Amino acid sequence: MTERLQLNMDVWKSSSERSPRQVNLLHNIHALFLLWLLLAGCAEPPLSQWNAATQALEDARMSEAEHYAIERFTEAETAYQQVKQNLDQQGDRIPLFRNYDPAITILSEVFNDATQAKMEAIANKRESKANAEVALAFAKQHLQDVRALLADVSTHASDHGKLDQLLQAFQDTETLLAEIDSIMAQEHFIDVMTTSHSVESFATRLQARIISLKRLPAKQQA
């Protein structure tokens, strides 16, 4: 009995004691496992950075950056689409070989550019509104001058055919001016400036034609 007990103790002792080589192997396996967990943890997609960049782009879009900060907004949106493709490519890889560092860097740039685009859009839109108001005021003033000239020439014009043409052109321009007021209410300030300048230019040509018609009777009498 004593001999069997001693034999069992020797077997247990031999199985419980590890050689230095076995201990090192287990240590290395354990270290590799921890390293794998660490790398796998670092391979998580940057959701918080993605959400921040997405929200920044949406805020810029709501501020009409695509109209009032075109260059900055386009850069942000282009980079956003590129990083989206990069994230899809990384997602197809096994976790150990994923690398989201470039995507994180680009997402930071997207966030900064989109935020800057929003601020530029707000400032540029405010400036565009002021310029649109000035352009519209000039257009209205020119049409007011045309109206006064038409009222004066109507009592002296001998060529009523030409006078009717001028009156029709003036009415068409007034209709266009009313449409500009509607565009202004919709805050399409760039369109307001463009159309107001066109109205102002046309009103100037209309004035020249009215003055020419007004001088016609005097030449005929001569």
C-alpha atoms as a PDB file:
ATOM      1  CA  MET A   1       0.000   0.000   0.000  1.00  0.00           C
ATOM      2  CA  THR A   2       2.770   2.402   0.928  1.00  0.00           C
ATOM      3  CA  GLU A   3       4.657   1.632  -2.261  1.00  0.00           C
ATOM      4  CA  ARG A   4       1.532   2.291  -4.407  1.00  0.00           C
ATOM      5  CA  LEU A   5       0.954   5.602  -2.644  1.00  0.00           C
ATOM      6  CA  GLN A   6       4.539   6.643  -3.213  1.00  0.00           C
ATOM      7  CA  LEU A   7       4.264   5.684  -6.864  1.00  0.00           C
ATOM      8  CA  ASN A   8       1.134   7.812  -7.328  1.00  0.00           C
ATOM      9  CA  MET A   9       2.816  10.774  -5.663  1.00  0.00           C
ATOM     10  CA  ASP A  10       5.778  10.494  -8.004  1.00  0.00           C
ATOM     11  CA  VAL A  11       3.512  10.395 -11.023  1.00  0.00           C
ATOM     12  CA  TRP A  12       1.575  13.452  -9.811  1.00  0.00           C
ATOM     13  CA  LYS A  13       4.792  15.300  -9.103  1.00  0.00           C
ATOM     14  CA  SER A  14       6.214  14.534 -12.533  1.00  0.00           C
ATOM     15  CA  SER A  15       3.037  15.655 -14.237  1.00  0.00           C
ATOM     16  CA  SER A  16       2.685  18.845 -12.205  1.00  0.00           C
ATOM     17  CA  GLU A  17       6.264  19.992 -12.648  1.00  0.00           C
ATOM     18  CA  ARG A  18       6.938  21.662 -16.004  1.00  0.00           C
ATOM     19  CA  SER A  19      10.221  21.890 -17.756  1.00  0.00           C
ATOM     20  CA  PRO A  20      11.578  25.417 -18.424  1.00  0.00           C
ATOM     21  CA  ARG A  21      10.898  24.893 -22.123  1.00  0.00           C
ATOM     22  CA  GLN A  22       7.266  24.028 -21.466  1.00  0.00           C
ATOM     23  CA  VAL A  23       6.871  27.040 -19.179  1.00  0.00           C
ATOM     24  CA  ASN A  24       8.305  29.374 -21.828  1.00  0.00           C
ATOM     25  CA  LEU A  25       6.039  27.894 -24.465  1.00  0.00           C
ATOM     26  CA  LEU A  26       2.972  28.439 -22.330  1.00  0.00           C
ATOM     27  CA  HIS A  27       4.110  31.967 -21.531  1.00  0.00           C
ATOM     28  CA  ASN A  28       4.582  32.747 -25.228  1.00  0.00           C
ATOM     29  CA  ILE A  29       1.181  31.324 -26.116  1.00  0.00           C
ATOM     30  CA  HIS A  30      -0.402  33.387 -23.391  1.00  0.00           C
ATOM     31  CA  ALA A  31       1.403  36.532 -24.560  1.00  0.00           C
ATOM     32  CA  LEU A  32       0.370  35.921 -28.169  1.00  0.00           C
ATOM     33  CA  PHE A  33      -3.215  35.425 -27.096  1.00  0.00           C
ATOM     34  CA  LEU A  34      -3.201  38.723 -25.197  1.00  0.00           C
ATOM     35  CA  LEU A  35      -1.607  40.452 -28.190  1.00  0.00           C
ATOM     36  CA  TRP A  36      -4.282  39.014 -30.481  1.00  0.00           C
ATOM     37  CA  LEU A  37      -6.998  40.303 -28.158  1.00  0.00           C
ATOM     38  CA  LEU A  38      -5.353  43.723 -28.103  1.00  0.00           C
ATOM     39  CA  LEU A  39      -5.082  43.890 -31.895  1.00  0.00           C
ATOM     40  CA  ALA A  40      -8.598  42.625 -32.339  1.00  0.00           C
ATOM     41  CA  GLY A  41      -9.828  45.303 -29.951  1.00  0.00           C
ATOM     42  CA  CYS A  42      -7.978  48.007 -31.886  1.00  0.00           C
ATOM     43  CA  ALA A  43      -9.547  46.757 -35.089  1.00  0.00           C
ATOM     44  CA  GLU A  44     -12.987  47.975 -34.146  1.00  0.00           C
ATOM     45  CA  PRO A  45     -14.446  50.436 -36.713  1.00  0.00           C
ATOM     46  CA  PRO A  46     -14.323  54.092 -35.597  1.00  0.00           C
ATOM     47  CA  LEU A  47     -18.069  54.524 -35.120  1.00  0.00           C
ATOM     48  CA  SER A  48     -17.869  57.648 -32.961  1.00  0.00           C
ATOM     49  CA  GLN A  49     -15.629  59.437 -35.480  1.00  0.00           C
ATOM     50  CA  TRP A  50     -17.879  58.299 -38.326  1.00  0.00           C
ATOM     51  CA  ASN A  51     -21.007  59.583 -36.598  1.00  0.00           C
ATOM     52  CA  ALA A  52     -19.339  62.915 -35.804  1.00  0.00           C
ATOM     53  CA  ALA A  53     -18.226  63.402 -39.420  1.00  0.00           C
ATOM     54  CA  THR A  54     -21.658  62.398 -40.732  1.00  0.00           C
ATOM     55  CA  GLN A  55     -23.412  64.882 -38.442  1.00  0.00           C
ATOM     56  CA  ALA A  56     -20.963  67.651 -39.352  1.00  0.00           C
ATOM     57  CA  LEU A  57     -21.677  67.095 -43.052  1.00  0.00           C
ATOM     58  CA  GLU A  58     -25.409  67.138 -42.453  1.00  0.00           C
ATOM     59  CA  ASP A  59     -25.120  70.395 -40.489  1.00  0.00           C
ATOM     60  CA  ALA A  60     -23.111  71.925 -43.338  1.00  0.00           C
ATOM     61  CA  ARG A  61     -25.703  70.768 -45.849  1.00  0.00           C
ATOM     62  CA  MET A  62     -28.511  72.283 -43.763  1.00  0.00           C
ATOM     63  CA  SER A  63     -26.579  75.564 -43.813  1.00  0.00           C
ATOM     64  CA  GLU A  64     -26.555  75.381 -47.653  1.00  0.00           C
ATOM     65  CA  ALA A  65     -22.808  74.928 -47.794  1.00  0.00           C
ATOM     66  CA  GLU A  66     -23.174  73.308 -51.220  1.00  0.00           C
ATOM     67  CA  HIS A  67     -24.193  76.779 -52.484  1.00  0.00           C
ATOM     68  CA  TYR A  68     -22.352  79.194 -50.189  1.00  0.00           C
ATOM     69  CA  ALA A  69     -19.152  77.244 -49.355  1.00  0.00           C
ATOM     70  CA  ILE A  70     -18.846  75.051 -52.430  1.00  0.00           C
ATOM     71  CA  GLU A  71     -15.113  74.323 -52.402  1.00  0.00           C
ATOM     72  CA  ARG A  72     -14.813  73.459 -48.716  1.00  0.00           C
ATOM     73  CA  PHE A  73     -18.018  71.412 -48.699  1.00  0.00           C
ATOM     74  CA  THR A  74     -17.002  69.478 -51.827  1.00  0.00           C
ATOM     75  CA  GLU A  75     -13.653  68.578 -50.260  1.00  0.00           C
ATOM     76  CA  ALA A  76     -15.376  67.276 -47.131  1.00  0.00           C
ATOM     77  CA  GLU A  77     -17.958  65.289 -49.061  1.00  0.00           C
ATOM     78  CA  THR A  78     -15.360  63.753 -51.411  1.00  0.00           C
ATOM     79  CA  ALA A  79     -13.162  62.672 -48.488  1.00  0.00           C
ATOM     80  CA  TYR A  80     -16.244  61.278 -46.742  1.00  0.00           C
ATOM     81  CA  GLN A  81     -17.040  59.035 -49.711  1.00  0.00           C
ATOM     82  CA  GLN A  82     -13.414  57.879 -49.875  1.00  0.00           C
ATOM     83  CA  VAL A  83     -13.300  56.944 -46.204  1.00  0.00           C
ATOM     84  CA  LYS A  84     -16.597  55.106 -46.586  1.00  0.00           C
ATOM     85  CA  GLN A  85     -14.997  52.881 -49.228  1.00  0.00           C
ATOM     86  CA  ASN A  86     -11.961  52.373 -46.991  1.00  0.00           C
ATOM     87  CA  LEU A  87     -14.149  51.278 -44.079  1.00  0.00           C
ATOM     88  CA  ASP A  88     -15.955  48.791 -46.304  1.00  0.00           C
ATOM     89  CA  GLN A  89     -12.625  47.361 -47.454  1.00  0.00           C
ATOM     90  CA  GLN A  90     -11.329  47.025 -43.898  1.00  0.00           C
ATOM     91  CA  GLY A  91     -14.544  45.331 -42.851  1.00  0.00           C
ATOM     92  CA  ASP A  92     -13.895  42.569 -45.394  1.00  0.00           C
ATOM     93  CA  ARG A  93     -10.600  41.696 -43.713  1.00  0.00           C
ATOM     94  CA  ILE A  94     -10.154  39.483 -40.668  1.00  0.00           C
ATOM     95  CA  PRO A  95      -9.900  41.549 -37.443  1.00  0.00           C
ATOM     96  CA  LEU A  96      -6.179  40.900 -36.965  1.00  0.00           C
ATOM     97  CA  PHE A  97      -5.329  42.598 -40.275  1.00  0.00           C
ATOM     98  CA  ARG A  98      -7.698  45.553 -40.095  1.00  0.00           C
ATOM     99  CA  ASN A  99      -6.210  49.013 -39.850  1.00  0.00           C
ATOM    100  CA  TYR A 100      -8.561  51.908 -39.210  1.00  0.00           C
ATOM    101  CA  ASP A 101      -5.890  54.524 -38.487  1.00  0.00           C
ATOM    102  CA  PRO A 102      -6.036  56.113 -41.993  1.00  0.00           C
ATOM    103  CA  ALA A 103      -9.833  56.214 -41.805  1.00  0.00           C
ATOM    104  CA  ILE A 104      -9.713  57.901 -38.394  1.00  0.00           C
ATOM    105  CA  THR A 105      -7.346  60.558 -39.744  1.00  0.00           C
ATOM    106  CA  ILE A 106      -9.546  61.252 -42.780  1.00  0.00           C
ATOM    107  CA  LEU A 107     -12.713  61.345 -40.661  1.00  0.00           C
ATOM    108  CA  SER A 108     -11.079  63.996 -38.494  1.00  0.00           C
ATOM    109  CA  GLU A 109     -10.350  66.044 -41.621  1.00  0.00           C
ATOM    110  CA  VAL A 110     -13.922  65.562 -42.847  1.00  0.00           C
ATOM    111  CA  PHE A 111     -15.260  66.798 -39.530  1.00  0.00           C
ATOM    112  CA  ASN A 112     -13.025  69.876 -39.580  1.00  0.00           C
ATOM    113  CA  ASP A 113     -13.768  70.722 -43.232  1.00  0.00           C
ATOM    114  CA  ALA A 114     -17.511  70.232 -42.802  1.00  0.00           C
ATOM    115  CA  THR A 115     -17.551  72.388 -39.680  1.00  0.00           C
ATOM    116  CA  GLN A 116     -15.578  75.089 -41.482  1.00  0.00           C
ATOM    117  CA  ALA A 117     -17.893  74.829 -44.495  1.00  0.00           C
ATOM    118  CA  LYS A 118     -20.885  75.398 -42.243  1.00  0.00           C
ATOM    119  CA  MET A 119     -19.373  78.558 -40.756  1.00  0.00           C
ATOM    120  CA  GLU A 120     -18.343  79.853 -44.196  1.00  0.00           C
ATOM    121  CA  ALA A 121     -21.818  79.149 -45.563  1.00  0.00           C
ATOM    122  CA  ILE A 122     -23.505  81.094 -42.773  1.00  0.00           C
ATOM    123  CA  ALA A 123     -21.211  84.088 -43.311  1.00  0.00           C
ATOM    124  CA  ASN A 124     -21.418  83.960 -47.111  1.00  0.00           C
ATOM    125  CA  LYS A 125     -25.183  83.586 -47.086  1.00  0.00           C
ATOM    126  CA  ARG A 126     -25.489  86.651 -44.861  1.00  0.00           C
ATOM    127  CA  GLU A 127     -23.286  88.608 -47.263  1.00  0.00           C
ATOM    128  CA  SER A 128     -25.217  87.313 -50.280  1.00  0.00           C
ATOM    129  CA  LYS A 129     -28.468  88.450 -48.709  1.00  0.00           C
ATOM    130  CA  ALA A 130     -27.122  91.976 -48.265  1.00  0.00           C
ATOM    131  CA  ASN A 131     -25.846  92.042 -51.860  1.00  0.00           C
ATOM    132  CA  ALA A 132     -29.149  90.676 -53.154  1.00  0.00           C
ATOM    133  CA  GLU A 133     -31.073  93.403 -51.340  1.00  0.00           C
ATOM    134  CA  VAL A 134     -28.869  96.076 -52.931  1.00  0.00           C
ATOM    135  CA  ALA A 135     -29.181  94.539 -56.418  1.00  0.00           C
ATOM    136  CA  LEU A 136     -32.950  94.273 -56.095  1.00  0.00           C
ATOM    137  CA  ALA A 137     -33.218  97.868 -54.908  1.00  0.00           C
ATOM    138  CA  PHE A 138     -31.234  99.079 -57.945  1.00  0.00           C
ATOM    139  CA  ALA A 139     -33.437  97.042 -60.294  1.00  0.00           C
ATOM    140  CA  LYS A 140     -36.592  98.509 -58.775  1.00  0.00           C
ATOM    141  CA  GLN A 141     -35.188 102.021 -59.034  1.00  0.00           C
ATOM    142  CA  HIS A 142     -34.342 101.540 -62.717  1.00  0.00           C
ATOM    143  CA  LEU A 143     -37.839 100.301 -63.429  1.00  0.00           C
ATOM    144  CA  GLN A 144     -39.252 103.258 -61.568  1.00  0.00           C
ATOM    145  CA  ASP A 145     -37.246 105.550 -63.856  1.00  0.00           C
ATOM    146  CA  VAL A 146     -38.567 103.655 -66.891  1.00  0.00           C
ATOM    147  CA  ARG A 147     -42.131 104.048 -65.631  1.00  0.00           C
ATOM    148  CA  ALA A 148     -41.669 107.825 -65.331  1.00  0.00           C
ATOM    149  CA  LEU A 149     -40.214 108.046 -68.854  1.00  0.00           C
ATOM    150  CA  LEU A 150     -43.070 106.015 -70.299  1.00  0.00           C
ATOM    151  CA  ALA A 151     -45.637 108.253 -68.638  1.00  0.00           C
ATOM    152  CA  ASP A 152     -43.933 111.294 -70.154  1.00  0.00           C
ATOM    153  CA  VAL A 153     -43.452 109.912 -73.662  1.00  0.00           C
ATOM    154  CA  SER A 154     -47.001 108.557 -73.895  1.00  0.00           C
ATOM    155  CA  THR A 155     -48.358 112.101 -74.338  1.00  0.00           C
ATOM    156  CA  HIS A 156     -45.907 112.994 -77.111  1.00  0.00           C
ATOM    157  CA  ALA A 157     -45.197 109.799 -79.036  1.00  0.00           C
ATOM    158  CA  SER A 158     -46.326 109.748 -82.636  1.00  0.00           C
ATOM    159  CA  ASP A 159     -45.356 106.106 -83.256  1.00  0.00           C
ATOM    160  CA  HIS A 160     -47.924 104.282 -81.148  1.00  0.00           C
ATOM    161  CA  GLY A 161     -46.769 100.902 -82.453  1.00  0.00           C
ATOM    162  CA  LYS A 162     -43.320 101.362 -80.934  1.00  0.00           C
ATOM    163  CA  LEU A 163     -44.864 102.800 -77.794  1.00  0.00           C
ATOM    164  CA  ASP A 164     -47.032  99.698 -77.354  1.00  0.00           C
ATOM    165  CA  GLN A 165     -43.957  97.497 -77.747  1.00  0.00           C
ATOM    166  CA  LEU A 166     -42.159  99.460 -75.054  1.00  0.00           C
ATOM    167  CA  LEU A 167     -45.159  99.264 -72.725  1.00  0.00           C
ATOM    168  CA  GLN A 168     -45.365  95.484 -73.210  1.00  0.00           C
ATOM    169  CA  ALA A 169     -41.642  95.082 -72.559  1.00  0.00           C
ATOM    170  CA  PHE A 170     -41.991  97.167 -69.398  1.00  0.00           C
ATOM    171  CA  GLN A 171     -44.916  95.060 -68.148  1.00  0.00           C
ATOM    172  CA  ASP A 172     -42.974  91.861 -68.789  1.00  0.00           C
ATOM    173  CA  THR A 173     -40.055  93.262 -66.802  1.00  0.00           C
ATOM    174  CA  GLU A 174     -42.354  94.212 -63.929  1.00  0.00           C
ATOM    175  CA  THR A 175     -43.667  90.639 -63.889  1.00  0.00           C
ATOM    176  CA  LEU A 176     -40.109  89.361 -63.702  1.00  0.00           C
ATOM    177  CA  LEU A 177     -39.411  91.752 -60.856  1.00  0.00           C
ATOM    178  CA  ALA A 178     -42.381  90.344 -58.925  1.00  0.00           C
ATOM    179  CA  GLU A 179     -40.904  86.880 -59.396  1.00  0.00           C
ATOM    180  CA  ILE A 180     -37.609  88.143 -57.971  1.00  0.00           C
ATOM    181  CA  ASP A 181     -39.439  89.243 -54.822  1.00  0.00           C
ATOM    182  CA  SER A 182     -40.757  85.706 -54.494  1.00  0.00           C
ATOM    183  CA  ILE A 183     -37.254  84.262 -54.956  1.00  0.00           C
ATOM    184  CA  MET A 184     -35.979  86.660 -52.308  1.00  0.00           C
ATOM    185  CA  ALA A 185     -38.580  85.362 -49.865  1.00  0.00           C
ATOM    186  CA  GLN A 186     -37.291  81.847 -50.519  1.00  0.00           C
ATOM    187  CA  GLU A 187     -33.751  83.031 -49.664  1.00  0.00           C
ATOM    188  CA  HIS A 188     -32.282  82.113 -53.044  1.00  0.00           C
ATOM    189  CA  PHE A 189     -30.019  85.129 -52.856  1.00  0.00           C
ATOM    190  CA  ILE A 190     -27.626  84.177 -55.652  1.00  0.00           C
ATOM    191  CA  ASP A 191     -30.541  83.848 -58.076  1.00  0.00           C
ATOM    192  CA  VAL A 192     -31.888  87.184 -56.862  1.00  0.00           C
ATOM    193  CA  MET A 193     -28.601  88.929 -57.622  1.00  0.00           C
ATOM    194  CA  THR A 194     -28.284  87.351 -61.075  1.00  0.00           C
ATOM    195  CA  THR A 195     -31.847  88.163 -62.112  1.00  0.00           C
ATOM    196  CA  SER A 196     -31.766  91.662 -60.615  1.00  0.00           C
ATOM    197  CA  HIS A 197     -28.664  92.519 -62.624  1.00  0.00           C
ATOM    198  CA  SER A 198     -30.435  91.264 -65.755  1.00  0.00           C
ATOM    199  CA  VAL A 199     -33.479  93.431 -64.996  1.00  0.00           C
ATOM    200  CA  GLU A 200     -31.264  96.449 -64.351  1.00  0.00           C
ATOM    201  CA  SER A 201     -29.447  95.924 -67.652  1.00  0.00           C
ATOM    202  CA  PHE A 202     -32.694  95.509 -69.583  1.00  0.00           C
ATOM    203  CA  ALA A 203     -34.204  98.582 -67.919  1.00  0.00           C
ATOM    204  CA  THR A 204     -31.196 100.621 -69.032  1.00  0.00           C
ATOM    205  CA  ARG A 205     -31.685  99.539 -72.662  1.00  0.00           C
ATOM    206  CA  LEU A 206     -35.422 100.216 -72.351  1.00  0.00           C
ATOM    207  CA  GLN A 207     -34.689 103.747 -71.154  1.00  0.00           C
ATOM    208  CA  ALA A 208     -32.520 104.387 -74.218  1.00  0.00           C
ATOM    209  CA  ARG A 209     -35.303 103.210 -76.542  1.00  0.00           C
ATOM    210  CA  ILE A 210     -37.884 105.398 -74.763  1.00  0.00           C
ATOM    211  CA  ILE A 211     -35.632 108.471 -74.992  1.00  0.00           C
ATOM    212  CA  SER A 212     -35.107 107.743 -78.684  1.00  0.00           C
ATOM    213  CA  LEU A 213     -38.874 107.517 -79.205  1.00  0.00           C
ATOM    214  CA  LYS A 214     -39.391 110.751 -77.278  1.00  0.00           C
ATOM    215  CA  ARG A 215     -36.970 112.596 -79.585  1.00  0.00           C
ATOM    216  CA  LEU A 216     -38.603 111.265 -82.733  1.00  0.00           C
ATOM    217  CA  PRO A 217     -41.403 113.920 -83.004  1.00  0.00           C
ATOM    218  CA  ALA A 218     -38.889 116.728 -82.712  1.00  0.00           C
ATOM    219  CA  LYS A 219     -36.845 115.283 -85.578  1.00  0.00           C
ATOM    220  CA  GLN A 220     -39.960 114.848 -87.705  1.00  0.00           C
ATOM    221  CA  GLN A 221     -40.929 118.478 -87.134  1.00  0.00           C
ATOM    222  CA  ALA A 222     -37.444 119.552 -88.109  1.00  0.00           C
END
